Amino acid sequence: MIHNSAVKSADQSIPEQVEPGGANLTRRQLLVAAGGVGLGVVLAGCNDDGPQAGRPPGPTVEPNGVVVDVQSIDNTFRPDRIEITPGTEVVWTNLGRTEHDVLAVDGTWGVQPEDFPPGASFSHVFGEVAEVPYYCSIHAVVGDVMFGMTGTIVVVEA
């Protein structure tokens, strides 16, 4: 079902911090930076299976050029149920006042709250014919019956 997922922040830029007089880093700053790089190299070497280890590859589908928007507004998705065909990209935009997340109930795709603050957007291309429930873990209860900030994507044959 997963083709691609993307997260876009409202502010794509990260301000650079420049020390007065140029790049005068303290010895402590250099050691912390070097330690972080070294740790990253060590941890990368521990994962020989790549970033998708343990996850079977999902079927890929070419985007069909159709984009459907869903708004994440405080405690609701609008619309909360949409019907699409395979290859459709659904874009959620957080128009609320607080962080949200968007998570598939089956756990195969989603975006975490820190990546979905007010003004951010998240997209996913759906490939398989299915009924796909999703929710915001901050504002919904998921179990035998889902309620709160929930939604459903219904993917039907073209």
C-alpha atoms as a PDB file:
ATOM      1  CA  MET A   1       0.000   0.000   0.000  1.00  0.00           C
ATOM      2  CA  ILE A   2       2.867   2.377   0.668  1.00  0.00           C
ATOM      3  CA  HIS A   3       4.243   4.246  -2.295  1.00  0.00           C
ATOM      4  CA  ASN A   4       5.605   7.312  -0.643  1.00  0.00           C
ATOM      5  CA  SER A   5       5.059   9.510   2.316  1.00  0.00           C
ATOM      6  CA  ALA A   6       6.255  13.037   2.728  1.00  0.00           C
ATOM      7  CA  VAL A   7       6.291  15.570   5.492  1.00  0.00           C
ATOM      8  CA  LYS A   8       6.536  19.298   4.881  1.00  0.00           C
ATOM      9  CA  SER A   9       7.082  21.731   7.689  1.00  0.00           C
ATOM     10  CA  ALA A  10       5.643  25.209   7.772  1.00  0.00           C
ATOM     11  CA  ASP A  11       9.213  26.505   8.192  1.00  0.00           C
ATOM     12  CA  GLN A  12      11.681  24.594   6.010  1.00  0.00           C
ATOM     13  CA  SER A  13      14.702  26.691   7.029  1.00  0.00           C
ATOM     14  CA  ILE A  14      16.933  26.130  10.022  1.00  0.00           C
ATOM     15  CA  PRO A  15      18.757  29.266  11.066  1.00  0.00           C
ATOM     16  CA  GLU A  16      22.517  28.987  11.177  1.00  0.00           C
ATOM     17  CA  GLN A  17      24.320  30.103  14.287  1.00  0.00           C
ATOM     18  CA  VAL A  18      27.554  31.908  13.575  1.00  0.00           C
ATOM     19  CA  GLU A  19      30.008  32.656  16.325  1.00  0.00           C
ATOM     20  CA  PRO A  20      31.235  36.257  16.510  1.00  0.00           C
ATOM     21  CA  GLY A  21      34.405  36.582  14.444  1.00  0.00           C
ATOM     22  CA  GLY A  22      33.792  33.386  12.456  1.00  0.00           C
ATOM     23  CA  ALA A  23      33.652  29.709  13.359  1.00  0.00           C
ATOM     24  CA  ASN A  24      35.342  29.827  16.773  1.00  0.00           C
ATOM     25  CA  LEU A  25      34.204  26.583  18.357  1.00  0.00           C
ATOM     26  CA  THR A  26      35.263  25.601  21.843  1.00  0.00           C
ATOM     27  CA  ARG A  27      37.092  22.367  22.448  1.00  0.00           C
ATOM     28  CA  ARG A  28      33.960  21.028  24.181  1.00  0.00           C
ATOM     29  CA  GLN A  29      31.800  21.827  21.121  1.00  0.00           C
ATOM     30  CA  LEU A  30      34.291  20.062  18.845  1.00  0.00           C
ATOM     31  CA  LEU A  31      34.399  16.980  21.101  1.00  0.00           C
ATOM     32  CA  VAL A  32      30.596  16.802  21.290  1.00  0.00           C
ATOM     33  CA  ALA A  33      30.329  17.113  17.503  1.00  0.00           C
ATOM     34  CA  ALA A  34      33.022  14.483  16.914  1.00  0.00           C
ATOM     35  CA  GLY A  35      31.408  12.133  19.421  1.00  0.00           C
ATOM     36  CA  GLY A  36      28.031  12.511  17.718  1.00  0.00           C
ATOM     37  CA  VAL A  37      29.522  11.744  14.316  1.00  0.00           C
ATOM     38  CA  GLY A  38      31.404   8.736  15.717  1.00  0.00           C
ATOM     39  CA  LEU A  39      28.297   7.386  17.412  1.00  0.00           C
ATOM     40  CA  GLY A  40      26.330   7.792  14.184  1.00  0.00           C
ATOM     41  CA  VAL A  41      28.943   5.807  12.265  1.00  0.00           C
ATOM     42  CA  VAL A  42      28.941   3.028  14.886  1.00  0.00           C
ATOM     43  CA  LEU A  43      25.148   2.810  14.951  1.00  0.00           C
ATOM     44  CA  ALA A  44      24.925   2.833  11.156  1.00  0.00           C
ATOM     45  CA  GLY A  45      27.300  -0.120  11.039  1.00  0.00           C
ATOM     46  CA  CYS A  46      24.988  -2.089  13.353  1.00  0.00           C
ATOM     47  CA  ASN A  47      22.116  -1.996  10.889  1.00  0.00           C
ATOM     48  CA  ASP A  48      23.254  -4.102   7.946  1.00  0.00           C
ATOM     49  CA  ASP A  49      19.673  -4.752   6.855  1.00  0.00           C
ATOM     50  CA  GLY A  50      18.935  -1.149   5.846  1.00  0.00           C
ATOM     51  CA  PRO A  51      16.171   1.188   6.924  1.00  0.00           C
ATOM     52  CA  GLN A  52      13.332  -1.136   5.872  1.00  0.00           C
ATOM     53  CA  ALA A  53      14.591  -4.140   7.855  1.00  0.00           C
ATOM     54  CA  GLY A  54      11.763  -6.222   9.260  1.00  0.00           C
ATOM     55  CA  ARG A  55       9.194  -4.645   6.943  1.00  0.00           C
ATOM     56  CA  PRO A  56       8.181  -6.509   3.815  1.00  0.00           C
ATOM     57  CA  PRO A  57       8.290  -4.286   0.756  1.00  0.00           C
ATOM     58  CA  GLY A  58       4.846  -3.048  -0.162  1.00  0.00           C
ATOM     59  CA  PRO A  59       3.597  -2.949  -3.708  1.00  0.00           C
ATOM     60  CA  THR A  60       4.429   0.271  -5.447  1.00  0.00           C
ATOM     61  CA  VAL A  61       1.987   2.283  -7.462  1.00  0.00           C
ATOM     62  CA  GLU A  62       2.588   5.229  -9.697  1.00  0.00           C
ATOM     63  CA  PRO A  63       0.807   8.398  -8.587  1.00  0.00           C
ATOM     64  CA  ASN A  64      -2.148   9.046 -10.879  1.00  0.00           C
ATOM     65  CA  GLY A  65      -1.904  12.824 -10.570  1.00  0.00           C
ATOM     66  CA  VAL A  66      -5.007  13.122  -8.371  1.00  0.00           C
ATOM     67  CA  VAL A  67      -4.497  14.912  -5.047  1.00  0.00           C
ATOM     68  CA  VAL A  68      -7.158  15.002  -2.333  1.00  0.00           C
ATOM     69  CA  ASP A  69      -6.840  17.375   0.617  1.00  0.00           C
ATOM     70  CA  VAL A  70      -7.840  16.568   4.191  1.00  0.00           C
ATOM     71  CA  GLN A  71      -7.735  19.210   6.895  1.00  0.00           C
ATOM     72  CA  SER A  72      -6.620  18.356  10.409  1.00  0.00           C
ATOM     73  CA  ILE A  73      -8.572  20.854  12.459  1.00  0.00           C
ATOM     74  CA  ASP A  74      -8.662  20.754  16.230  1.00  0.00           C
ATOM     75  CA  ASN A  75     -10.158  17.353  17.078  1.00  0.00           C
ATOM     76  CA  THR A  76     -11.475  16.478  13.602  1.00  0.00           C
ATOM     77  CA  PHE A  77     -10.395  15.506  10.110  1.00  0.00           C
ATOM     78  CA  ARG A  78     -12.379  17.208   7.323  1.00  0.00           C
ATOM     79  CA  PRO A  79     -13.569  15.315   5.459  1.00  0.00           C
ATOM     80  CA  ASP A  80     -13.287  12.307   7.750  1.00  0.00           C
ATOM     81  CA  ARG A  81     -14.147   9.794   4.998  1.00  0.00           C
ATOM     82  CA  ILE A  82     -13.029   9.937   1.379  1.00  0.00           C
ATOM     83  CA  GLU A  83     -13.243   7.565  -1.559  1.00  0.00           C
ATOM     84  CA  ILE A  84     -10.292   7.475  -3.955  1.00  0.00           C
ATOM     85  CA  THR A  85      -8.746   5.268  -6.655  1.00  0.00           C
ATOM     86  CA  PRO A  86      -5.288   3.627  -6.498  1.00  0.00           C
ATOM     87  CA  GLY A  87      -2.466   6.098  -7.087  1.00  0.00           C
ATOM     88  CA  THR A  88      -4.271   9.013  -5.451  1.00  0.00           C
ATOM     89  CA  GLU A  89      -2.195  11.179  -3.140  1.00  0.00           C
ATOM     90  CA  VAL A  90      -3.919  12.296   0.038  1.00  0.00           C
ATOM     91  CA  VAL A  91      -2.478  15.430   1.660  1.00  0.00           C
ATOM     92  CA  TRP A  92      -3.293  16.213   5.284  1.00  0.00           C
ATOM     93  CA  THR A  93      -2.684  19.802   6.409  1.00  0.00           C
ATOM     94  CA  ASN A  94      -2.692  20.745  10.078  1.00  0.00           C
ATOM     95  CA  LEU A  95      -4.926  23.816  10.227  1.00  0.00           C
ATOM     96  CA  GLY A  96      -5.471  23.430  13.965  1.00  0.00           C
ATOM     97  CA  ARG A  97      -3.944  25.309  16.859  1.00  0.00           C
ATOM     98  CA  THR A  98      -2.031  22.302  18.247  1.00  0.00           C
ATOM     99  CA  GLU A  99       0.126  19.392  17.133  1.00  0.00           C
ATOM    100  CA  HIS A 100      -1.601  16.360  15.691  1.00  0.00           C
ATOM    101  CA  ASP A 101      -0.436  13.155  14.110  1.00  0.00           C
ATOM    102  CA  VAL A 102      -1.912  11.024  11.356  1.00  0.00           C
ATOM    103  CA  LEU A 103      -1.453   7.277  11.847  1.00  0.00           C
ATOM    104  CA  ALA A 104      -2.800   4.285   9.951  1.00  0.00           C
ATOM    105  CA  VAL A 105      -4.504   1.876  12.346  1.00  0.00           C
ATOM    106  CA  ASP A 106      -2.403  -0.970  10.881  1.00  0.00           C
ATOM    107  CA  GLY A 107       0.794   1.049  11.520  1.00  0.00           C
ATOM    108  CA  THR A 108       2.063   0.979   7.920  1.00  0.00           C
ATOM    109  CA  TRP A 109       2.284   4.764   7.437  1.00  0.00           C
ATOM    110  CA  GLY A 110       1.900   7.983   9.341  1.00  0.00           C
ATOM    111  CA  VAL A 111       3.427  11.158  10.681  1.00  0.00           C
ATOM    112  CA  GLN A 112       4.388  11.917  14.289  1.00  0.00           C
ATOM    113  CA  PRO A 113       3.291  15.055  16.197  1.00  0.00           C
ATOM    114  CA  GLU A 114       6.736  16.662  16.142  1.00  0.00           C
ATOM    115  CA  ASP A 115       6.617  16.501  12.331  1.00  0.00           C
ATOM    116  CA  PHE A 116       3.023  17.762  12.064  1.00  0.00           C
ATOM    117  CA  PRO A 117       2.736  21.054  13.958  1.00  0.00           C
ATOM    118  CA  PRO A 118       0.206  23.714  12.944  1.00  0.00           C
ATOM    119  CA  GLY A 119       0.800  24.701   9.314  1.00  0.00           C
ATOM    120  CA  ALA A 120       2.604  21.472   8.336  1.00  0.00           C
ATOM    121  CA  SER A 121       1.412  18.963   5.774  1.00  0.00           C
ATOM    122  CA  PHE A 122       1.874  15.219   5.272  1.00  0.00           C
ATOM    123  CA  SER A 123       1.096  13.171   2.173  1.00  0.00           C
ATOM    124  CA  HIS A 124       0.693   9.526   1.286  1.00  0.00           C
ATOM    125  CA  VAL A 125      -0.063   7.765  -2.024  1.00  0.00           C
ATOM    126  CA  PHE A 126      -2.518   4.865  -1.698  1.00  0.00           C
ATOM    127  CA  GLY A 127      -2.065   1.817  -3.909  1.00  0.00           C
ATOM    128  CA  GLU A 128      -4.245  -1.107  -2.883  1.00  0.00           C
ATOM    129  CA  VAL A 129      -8.022  -1.383  -2.958  1.00  0.00           C
ATOM    130  CA  ALA A 130      -8.917  -1.333   0.732  1.00  0.00           C
ATOM    131  CA  GLU A 131     -10.668   0.526   3.512  1.00  0.00           C
ATOM    132  CA  VAL A 132      -7.941   2.250   5.508  1.00  0.00           C
ATOM    133  CA  PRO A 133      -8.849   3.685   8.925  1.00  0.00           C
ATOM    134  CA  TYR A 134      -6.535   6.279  10.438  1.00  0.00           C
ATOM    135  CA  TYR A 135      -6.494   8.461  13.554  1.00  0.00           C
ATOM    136  CA  CYS A 136      -4.742  11.119  15.622  1.00  0.00           C
ATOM    137  CA  SER A 137      -3.288   9.367  18.684  1.00  0.00           C
ATOM    138  CA  ILE A 138      -3.540  12.584  20.696  1.00  0.00           C
ATOM    139  CA  HIS A 139      -7.267  13.133  20.080  1.00  0.00           C
ATOM    140  CA  ALA A 140      -8.793   9.700  19.409  1.00  0.00           C
ATOM    141  CA  VAL A 141      -9.478   6.365  21.021  1.00  0.00           C
ATOM    142  CA  VAL A 142      -8.822   3.333  18.853  1.00  0.00           C
ATOM    143  CA  GLY A 143     -10.123  -0.103  19.702  1.00  0.00           C
ATOM    144  CA  ASP A 144     -13.116  -2.195  18.662  1.00  0.00           C
ATOM    145  CA  VAL A 145     -14.867   1.122  18.054  1.00  0.00           C
ATOM    146  CA  MET A 146     -12.891   4.202  17.042  1.00  0.00           C
ATOM    147  CA  PHE A 147     -14.040   7.613  18.155  1.00  0.00           C
ATOM    148  CA  GLY A 148     -12.634  11.098  18.385  1.00  0.00           C
ATOM    149  CA  MET A 149     -10.286  12.387  15.713  1.00  0.00           C
ATOM    150  CA  THR A 150     -10.541   9.496  13.222  1.00  0.00           C
ATOM    151  CA  GLY A 151     -10.918   9.072   9.492  1.00  0.00           C
ATOM    152  CA  THR A 152     -11.199   6.492   6.751  1.00  0.00           C
ATOM    153  CA  ILE A 153      -9.727   6.334   3.251  1.00  0.00           C
ATOM    154  CA  VAL A 154     -11.705   4.017   0.965  1.00  0.00           C
ATOM    155  CA  VAL A 155      -9.623   2.963  -2.042  1.00  0.00           C
ATOM    156  CA  VAL A 156     -11.847   1.578  -4.829  1.00  0.00           C
ATOM    157  CA  GLU A 157     -11.129   0.161  -8.300  1.00  0.00           C
ATOM    158  CA  ALA A 158     -10.657   2.838 -10.941  1.00  0.00           C
END
